[in-house]
Amino acid sequence: MKRTILASLSFCILLAGAGQSMADSFGAIAYSPRTGALGWSYDHTSRRNAERAAQSNCDASDCRVAIWFDQACGAVARGPDGWGSGWGYSRREAENQAIGSCRQNSHGCQVIRWQCSGAR
């Protein structure tokens, strides 16, 4: 009986810890096209907190959130005539999305920042 209670208690603690880490899963990247400044965040409890942190970490007055993500990755790509952003469940997928978005307005696009958050 004592063993069953102990095993059950251990399982509950394990689940509580997993739930906590899943809650800290939001991230964002902020970008200033004018200056090229970037700010990013990861492992926040809400989209709003992640976006605020990314903007706060960006050293330009015109920084805006380029992408936010939840238990995923985000990326920003820039070319001579424009930029783009994207997200995906892996770094590679996020980078490909960002480059594809950038290529709609520019050529020679390269990823300038990527970030993953949550269980990545």
Protein backbone atom coordinates (compact mmCIF):
# COMPACT_ATOMS: atom_id res chain seq x y z
CA MET A 1 0.00 0.00 0.00
CA LYS A 2 2.79 2.37 0.95
CA ARG A 3 4.57 1.62 -2.33
CA THR A 4 1.44 2.32 -4.37
CA ILE A 5 0.97 5.70 -2.69
CA LEU A 6 4.63 6.55 -3.19
CA ALA A 7 4.50 5.56 -6.86
CA SER A 8 1.32 7.57 -7.38
CA LEU A 9 2.84 10.60 -5.68
CA SER A 10 5.98 10.35 -7.82
CA PHE A 11 3.87 10.13 -10.97
CA CYS A 12 1.85 13.23 -9.97
CA ILE A 13 5.04 15.20 -9.32
CA LEU A 14 6.37 14.15 -12.72
CA LEU A 15 3.16 15.29 -14.42
CA ALA A 16 3.16 18.61 -12.57
CA GLY A 17 6.72 19.30 -13.72
CA ALA A 18 5.86 18.45 -17.32
CA GLY A 19 2.83 20.71 -17.25
CA GLN A 20 4.89 23.56 -15.94
CA SER A 21 7.45 23.35 -18.73
CA MET A 22 4.73 23.14 -21.38
CA ALA A 23 3.23 26.38 -20.01
CA ASP A 24 6.48 28.25 -20.67
CA SER A 25 6.34 27.69 -24.39
CA PHE A 26 5.83 31.07 -26.09
CA GLY A 27 8.52 32.99 -27.95
CA ALA A 28 8.75 35.94 -30.30
CA ILE A 29 11.15 37.87 -32.51
CA ALA A 30 10.90 41.65 -32.93
CA TYR A 31 12.56 43.45 -35.83
CA SER A 32 13.29 46.97 -37.03
CA PRO A 33 13.58 47.06 -40.84
CA ARG A 34 14.99 50.59 -40.61
CA THR A 35 17.95 49.76 -38.35
CA GLY A 36 18.15 45.98 -38.57
CA ALA A 37 17.84 45.72 -34.78
CA LEU A 38 16.45 42.48 -33.42
CA GLY A 39 15.02 41.37 -30.10
CA TRP A 40 13.83 37.91 -29.15
CA SER A 41 12.34 35.93 -26.32
CA TYR A 42 11.57 32.32 -25.48
CA ASP A 43 9.94 30.16 -22.81
CA HIS A 44 7.32 32.68 -21.71
CA THR A 45 3.93 31.79 -20.23
CA SER A 46 1.89 33.77 -22.78
CA ARG A 47 2.08 35.23 -26.26
CA ARG A 48 1.71 38.72 -24.81
CA ASN A 49 4.65 38.26 -22.43
CA ALA A 50 6.82 36.84 -25.20
CA GLU A 51 6.01 39.71 -27.56
CA ARG A 52 6.64 42.34 -24.88
CA ALA A 53 9.98 40.77 -23.97
CA ALA A 54 11.09 40.61 -27.61
CA GLN A 55 10.20 44.27 -28.18
CA SER A 56 11.90 45.26 -24.94
CA ASN A 57 15.08 43.44 -26.02
CA CYS A 58 15.13 45.19 -29.41
CA ASP A 59 17.31 48.32 -29.45
CA ALA A 60 15.27 50.48 -31.84
CA SER A 61 12.17 52.59 -31.28
CA ASP A 62 10.39 51.15 -34.33
CA CYS A 63 10.81 47.46 -33.45
CA ARG A 64 7.67 45.46 -34.13
CA VAL A 65 6.90 41.82 -33.50
CA ALA A 66 7.78 39.98 -36.70
CA ILE A 67 6.72 36.51 -35.53
CA TRP A 68 5.50 34.72 -32.42
CA PHE A 69 5.42 30.99 -31.81
CA ASP A 70 4.17 28.44 -29.28
CA GLN A 71 6.11 25.20 -28.72
CA ALA A 72 7.78 25.88 -32.05
CA CYS A 73 10.48 27.94 -33.74
CA GLY A 74 10.43 31.31 -35.45
CA ALA A 75 12.81 33.01 -37.88
CA VAL A 76 13.35 36.32 -39.67
CA ALA A 77 15.09 36.59 -43.06
CA ARG A 78 16.28 39.76 -44.81
CA GLY A 79 17.22 40.66 -48.36
CA PRO A 80 18.26 43.93 -50.03
CA ASP A 81 14.66 44.91 -50.82
CA GLY A 82 12.63 43.41 -47.99
CA TRP A 83 12.28 40.88 -45.24
CA GLY A 84 10.02 38.06 -44.10
CA SER A 85 9.29 35.85 -41.14
CA GLY A 86 8.02 32.36 -40.56
CA TRP A 87 7.51 29.66 -37.98
CA GLY A 88 7.70 25.89 -37.88
CA TYR A 89 8.09 22.94 -35.56
CA SER A 90 11.82 22.84 -36.28
CA ARG A 91 14.53 25.44 -36.87
CA ARG A 92 14.87 24.37 -40.49
CA GLU A 93 11.13 24.65 -41.15
CA ALA A 94 10.99 28.14 -39.58
CA GLU A 95 14.00 29.30 -41.60
CA ASN A 96 12.52 27.96 -44.85
CA GLN A 97 9.23 29.75 -44.15
CA ALA A 98 11.04 33.02 -43.39
CA ILE A 99 13.13 32.81 -46.57
CA GLY A 100 10.03 32.02 -48.63
CA SER A 101 8.22 35.00 -47.14
CA CYS A 102 11.21 37.28 -47.77
CA ARG A 103 11.51 36.14 -51.40
CA GLN A 104 8.04 37.53 -52.12
CA ASN A 105 9.57 41.03 -51.87
CA SER A 106 13.30 40.56 -52.34
CA HIS A 107 16.10 38.34 -53.57
CA GLY A 108 19.23 37.07 -51.84
CA CYS A 109 17.32 36.51 -48.60
CA GLN A 110 19.24 35.18 -45.62
CA VAL A 111 18.09 34.24 -42.13
CA ILE A 112 19.21 36.87 -39.64
CA ARG A 113 17.67 35.35 -36.49
CA TRP A 114 15.96 32.16 -35.41
CA GLN A 115 14.70 31.06 -32.01
CA CYS A 116 12.86 28.05 -30.62
CA SER A 117 10.69 27.86 -27.52
CA GLY A 118 8.98 25.17 -25.51
CA ALA A 119 9.67 21.52 -26.12
CA ARG A 120 12.07 22.09 -29.02
